[in-house]
Amino acid sequence: MSWPAMVWIGGAPGAGKSTIARDLARRSDLPLHPIDLWTYDHVGRMPPLRPLAEDLAEGPQFAAEAFVKIARDRLGRVTADVEARGLGDVPALVEGPQLLPSMADEVAAAVWLVPDVEQTRQAREQRLARAEDPAGRARLDGLLARDAVLADLVRREAAECGRIVIDVPADPDWAAITCAVEDALGPLPRLEAGAALRLQREYENQAACRQGRLWQADIGLAELPPYPFACECGRSGCSATWPGRPDEYDVLRRADGAVMVC
């Protein structure tokens, strides 16, 4: 199978992958592809999965192995999703904890962020603070124990595969970490400014709307917390964002055709 052009930012949960990937993709005119934005779509295309709580109840090693199995099962779906974007030679910046060094043989440029245990806890606590999710709160300790196993696995596989790992301490220097990620990925082809760039930002925003609504329905959330949408102006290097919800995004699109906030 021929893979589409991709570069990866992987690593254990809580390492700042999503924030760094969003910043880098927008400054560098790269198509952004966070795997988590396709979670419900992938689950709908896979055999029924065992509930996360049951995996965690078996202990962190079992839960980590279950996570890795699902990640490997999703890899073909990830590559198909990227292929469907029709990006040509411009690589999609794919990010997510599901990307393991042992899965990256066909990926020319990749980097893995591995957080300190306390950084992982802080990141998960911040996510829980954004929305009322009692089930997520109940799983916190089990997830943190699983995350530690996954972090060790990433380190080991990266060493075996000769891949780059960047440590993320409890008090990270995000500017320095972002620069290290850029250095690891190297220079990359860009989307053409104008219509091509605008359409990819629109595609990413609509994926965020779909995932947000499915998550809201899944956990029974009365109202989604706002999250960042990208400007769709199509201007090279535009990193402007605005915090909103799917319904607010839809209103702006109906009014203006493209959501431009720069």
Protein backbone atom coordinates (compact mmCIF):
# COMPACT_ATOMS: atom_id res chain seq x y z
CA MET A 1 0.00 0.00 0.00
CA SER A 2 1.27 3.48 -0.88
CA TRP A 3 0.88 5.96 1.97
CA PRO A 4 -0.13 9.59 1.47
CA ALA A 5 2.37 12.30 2.37
CA MET A 6 2.40 12.77 6.15
CA VAL A 7 4.55 14.03 8.99
CA TRP A 8 3.78 12.94 12.54
CA ILE A 9 3.77 14.41 16.02
CA GLY A 10 3.16 11.55 18.43
CA GLY A 11 3.80 10.83 22.06
CA ALA A 12 2.14 10.10 25.35
CA PRO A 13 -1.04 11.96 26.37
CA GLY A 14 -0.63 15.40 27.94
CA ALA A 15 2.53 16.38 26.06
CA GLY A 16 1.16 19.43 24.24
CA LYS A 17 0.96 17.70 20.85
CA SER A 18 -2.34 19.27 19.81
CA THR A 19 -1.37 22.83 20.72
CA ILE A 20 2.03 22.61 19.05
CA ALA A 21 0.60 20.93 15.94
CA ARG A 22 -2.09 23.59 15.55
CA ASP A 23 0.46 26.39 15.89
CA LEU A 24 2.95 24.81 13.50
CA ALA A 25 0.35 23.86 10.88
CA ARG A 26 -1.12 27.35 10.75
CA ARG A 27 2.19 29.21 10.65
CA SER A 28 3.60 26.84 8.04
CA ASP A 29 0.48 26.44 5.83
CA LEU A 30 0.25 22.71 6.50
CA PRO A 31 -2.97 20.68 6.53
CA LEU A 32 -3.67 19.65 10.12
CA HIS A 33 -4.96 16.15 10.91
CA PRO A 34 -5.53 15.43 14.62
CA ILE A 35 -6.51 11.76 14.89
CA ASP A 36 -8.84 12.50 17.82
CA LEU A 37 -11.11 14.51 15.48
CA TRP A 38 -11.97 11.26 13.70
CA THR A 39 -12.47 9.11 16.82
CA TYR A 40 -16.23 8.60 16.52
CA ASP A 41 -15.97 8.06 12.78
CA HIS A 42 -13.33 5.36 13.28
CA VAL A 43 -15.26 3.67 16.08
CA GLY A 44 -18.27 3.47 13.78
CA ARG A 45 -16.15 1.66 11.18
CA MET A 46 -14.57 -0.83 13.61
CA PRO A 47 -15.88 -3.92 15.43
CA PRO A 48 -17.44 -3.12 18.84
CA LEU A 49 -14.81 -2.02 21.34
CA ARG A 50 -14.57 -3.04 24.96
CA PRO A 51 -15.43 -0.13 27.31
CA LEU A 52 -12.41 1.87 28.46
CA ALA A 53 -13.39 1.42 32.12
CA GLU A 54 -13.14 -2.35 31.75
CA ASP A 55 -9.65 -2.10 30.21
CA LEU A 56 -8.49 0.18 33.03
CA ALA A 57 -9.90 -2.22 35.64
CA GLU A 58 -7.49 -4.88 34.33
CA GLY A 59 -4.51 -2.70 35.25
CA PRO A 60 -2.29 -0.17 33.44
CA GLN A 61 -0.30 -2.70 31.40
CA PHE A 62 -3.45 -4.35 30.06
CA ALA A 63 -5.03 -0.97 29.32
CA ALA A 64 -1.90 0.22 27.50
CA GLU A 65 -1.79 -2.93 25.38
CA ALA A 66 -5.48 -2.47 24.51
CA PHE A 67 -4.78 1.15 23.50
CA VAL A 68 -1.90 0.07 21.25
CA LYS A 69 -4.02 -2.61 19.57
CA ILE A 70 -6.75 -0.08 18.79
CA ALA A 71 -4.15 2.42 17.56
CA ARG A 72 -2.73 -0.14 15.14
CA ASP A 73 -6.22 -1.04 13.95
CA ARG A 74 -6.92 2.64 13.28
CA LEU A 75 -3.73 3.30 11.31
CA GLY A 76 -5.22 2.17 7.99
CA ARG A 77 -8.22 4.40 8.59
CA VAL A 78 -5.93 7.36 9.36
CA THR A 79 -4.01 6.93 6.12
CA ALA A 80 -7.28 6.56 4.19
CA ASP A 81 -8.63 9.75 5.76
CA VAL A 82 -5.50 11.68 4.81
CA GLU A 83 -5.55 10.23 1.29
CA ALA A 84 -9.16 11.38 0.89
CA ARG A 85 -8.09 14.99 1.49
CA GLY A 86 -6.36 15.04 -1.91
CA LEU A 87 -3.30 16.96 -0.72
CA GLY A 88 -0.82 15.76 -3.35
CA ASP A 89 2.78 16.28 -2.28
CA VAL A 90 1.91 18.54 0.66
CA PRO A 91 2.17 16.44 3.83
CA ALA A 92 -0.62 16.40 6.39
CA LEU A 93 0.60 17.15 9.89
CA VAL A 94 -0.91 14.18 11.74
CA GLU A 95 -0.89 14.25 15.53
CA GLY A 96 -2.11 12.00 18.30
CA PRO A 97 -1.06 9.56 21.02
CA GLN A 98 -2.06 6.71 18.68
CA LEU A 99 1.09 7.25 16.59
CA LEU A 100 3.87 4.94 17.75
CA PRO A 101 7.47 4.87 16.47
CA SER A 102 7.12 1.24 15.40
CA MET A 103 4.26 2.28 13.08
CA ALA A 104 6.21 4.99 11.26
CA ASP A 105 8.29 3.06 8.71
CA GLU A 106 6.63 4.92 5.81
CA VAL A 107 6.79 8.36 7.47
CA ALA A 108 9.83 10.42 6.52
CA ALA A 109 9.62 13.00 9.31
CA ALA A 110 8.24 12.39 12.79
CA VAL A 111 8.83 13.34 16.40
CA TRP A 112 7.49 12.10 19.74
CA LEU A 113 6.79 14.22 22.81
CA VAL A 114 7.04 12.43 26.15
CA PRO A 115 5.75 14.34 29.19
CA ASP A 116 6.77 14.21 32.80
CA VAL A 117 4.20 12.40 34.98
CA GLU A 118 3.17 15.66 36.64
CA GLN A 119 2.75 17.37 33.24
CA THR A 120 0.41 14.56 32.16
CA ARG A 121 -1.65 14.98 35.33
CA GLN A 122 -1.88 18.74 34.85
CA ALA A 123 -3.01 18.33 31.25
CA ARG A 124 -5.71 15.80 32.12
CA GLU A 125 -6.92 17.94 35.03
CA GLN A 126 -7.21 20.94 32.71
CA ARG A 127 -9.30 18.95 30.25
CA LEU A 128 -11.62 17.75 33.00
CA ALA A 129 -12.05 21.32 34.22
CA ARG A 130 -13.43 22.40 30.82
CA ALA A 131 -16.56 20.21 30.95
CA GLU A 132 -18.63 18.27 33.46
CA ASP A 133 -17.55 14.66 32.89
CA PRO A 134 -17.99 12.49 36.02
CA ALA A 135 -17.00 9.32 34.18
CA GLY A 136 -13.78 10.98 33.03
CA ARG A 137 -13.03 12.12 36.56
CA ALA A 138 -13.56 8.59 37.87
CA ARG A 139 -11.09 7.22 35.30
CA LEU A 140 -8.34 9.77 36.02
CA ASP A 141 -6.00 7.66 38.16
CA GLY A 142 -6.35 4.65 35.88
CA LEU A 143 -5.63 6.77 32.82
CA LEU A 144 -2.55 8.32 34.42
CA ALA A 145 -1.18 4.86 35.24
CA ARG A 146 -1.84 3.72 31.67
CA ASP A 147 -0.26 6.92 30.30
CA ALA A 148 2.96 6.16 32.20
CA VAL A 149 3.16 2.73 30.54
CA LEU A 150 2.56 4.29 27.12
CA ALA A 151 5.28 6.90 27.73
CA ASP A 152 7.78 4.14 28.50
CA LEU A 153 6.71 2.29 25.36
CA VAL A 154 7.23 5.36 23.19
CA ARG A 155 10.73 5.87 24.59
CA ARG A 156 11.66 2.24 24.02
CA GLU A 157 10.30 2.07 20.48
CA ALA A 158 11.85 5.39 19.51
CA ALA A 159 15.26 4.16 20.69
CA GLU A 160 14.84 0.92 18.74
CA CYS A 161 13.70 2.74 15.57
CA GLY A 162 16.20 5.61 15.77
CA ARG A 163 13.43 8.22 16.10
CA ILE A 164 13.50 11.57 17.88
CA VAL A 165 11.97 12.01 21.35
CA ILE A 166 11.52 15.39 23.06
CA ASP A 167 11.03 15.44 26.83
CA VAL A 168 8.27 17.66 28.22
CA PRO A 169 8.92 18.57 31.88
CA ALA A 170 6.34 19.61 34.48
CA ASP A 171 7.20 23.27 33.81
CA PRO A 172 7.71 23.25 30.02
CA ASP A 173 9.38 25.93 27.93
CA TRP A 174 6.81 25.66 25.14
CA ALA A 175 8.65 28.00 22.78
CA ALA A 176 11.79 25.86 23.00
CA ILE A 177 9.81 22.64 22.60
CA THR A 178 8.02 24.01 19.55
CA CYS A 179 11.35 24.99 17.97
CA ALA A 180 12.69 21.49 18.66
CA VAL A 181 9.64 19.97 16.94
CA GLU A 182 10.14 22.21 13.91
CA ASP A 183 13.81 21.25 13.72
CA ALA A 184 12.92 17.55 13.94
CA LEU A 185 10.40 17.76 11.10
CA GLY A 186 12.56 19.97 8.89
CA PRO A 187 11.42 22.14 5.95
CA LEU A 188 8.14 21.01 4.41
CA PRO A 189 6.10 21.86 1.28
CA ARG A 190 3.24 24.27 1.95
CA LEU A 191 -0.34 24.52 0.80
CA GLU A 192 -0.83 27.19 -1.83
CA ALA A 193 -2.24 30.37 -0.31
CA GLY A 194 -5.76 31.27 -1.31
CA ALA A 195 -8.44 28.73 -2.17
CA ALA A 196 -6.37 25.60 -1.43
CA LEU A 197 -5.42 26.78 2.05
CA ARG A 198 -8.88 28.13 2.80
CA LEU A 199 -10.58 24.84 1.84
CA GLN A 200 -8.30 22.80 4.11
CA ARG A 201 -8.96 25.10 7.09
CA GLU A 202 -12.68 24.81 6.38
CA TYR A 203 -12.36 21.02 6.27
CA GLU A 204 -10.55 20.99 9.62
CA ASN A 205 -13.10 23.29 11.27
CA GLN A 206 -15.98 21.15 10.08
CA ALA A 207 -14.26 18.02 11.41
CA ALA A 208 -13.96 19.77 14.78
CA CYS A 209 -17.69 20.60 14.69
CA ARG A 210 -18.64 17.00 13.92
CA GLN A 211 -16.42 15.53 16.63
CA GLY A 212 -17.56 18.08 19.21
CA ARG A 213 -21.23 17.33 18.64
CA LEU A 214 -20.69 13.57 18.80
CA TRP A 215 -18.70 13.93 22.03
CA GLN A 216 -21.41 16.12 23.52
CA ALA A 217 -24.09 13.54 22.72
CA ASP A 218 -21.91 10.65 23.91
CA ILE A 219 -21.30 11.99 27.42
CA GLY A 220 -24.60 13.87 27.72
CA LEU A 221 -23.03 17.31 28.04
CA ALA A 222 -25.54 20.16 28.30
CA GLU A 223 -23.21 22.61 26.53
CA LEU A 224 -19.86 22.19 24.86
CA PRO A 225 -16.95 24.26 26.14
CA PRO A 226 -15.61 26.63 23.47
CA TYR A 227 -12.61 25.40 21.50
CA PRO A 228 -10.36 27.03 18.87
CA PHE A 229 -11.46 27.32 15.25
CA ALA A 230 -8.98 28.36 12.56
CA CYS A 231 -9.35 31.45 10.41
CA GLU A 232 -10.42 30.51 6.86
CA CYS A 233 -9.01 33.59 5.12
CA GLY A 234 -6.54 31.55 3.04
CA ARG A 235 -3.71 33.98 3.76
CA SER A 236 -0.25 32.39 4.07
CA GLY A 237 0.92 32.08 7.68
CA CYS A 238 -2.39 33.12 9.24
CA SER A 239 -2.53 31.66 12.74
CA ALA A 240 -5.62 33.55 13.92
CA THR A 241 -8.19 31.52 15.83
CA TRP A 242 -11.40 32.21 17.69
CA PRO A 243 -12.95 30.26 20.58
CA GLY A 244 -16.41 29.01 19.74
CA ARG A 245 -18.88 26.15 19.53
CA PRO A 246 -20.22 24.28 16.48
CA ASP A 247 -23.51 26.18 16.38
CA GLU A 248 -21.66 29.50 16.50
CA TYR A 249 -19.39 28.36 13.68
CA ASP A 250 -22.41 27.41 11.57
CA VAL A 251 -23.97 30.85 12.10
CA LEU A 252 -20.79 32.59 10.95
CA ARG A 253 -20.51 30.38 7.87
CA ARG A 254 -24.10 31.05 6.87
CA ALA A 255 -23.51 34.79 7.26
CA ASP A 256 -20.12 35.13 5.57
CA GLY A 257 -19.44 31.91 3.63
CA ALA A 258 -15.97 31.57 5.19
CA VAL A 259 -15.07 32.21 8.82
CA MET A 260 -12.41 34.94 8.78
CA VAL A 261 -11.15 36.35 12.08
CA CYS A 262 -7.74 37.82 11.20
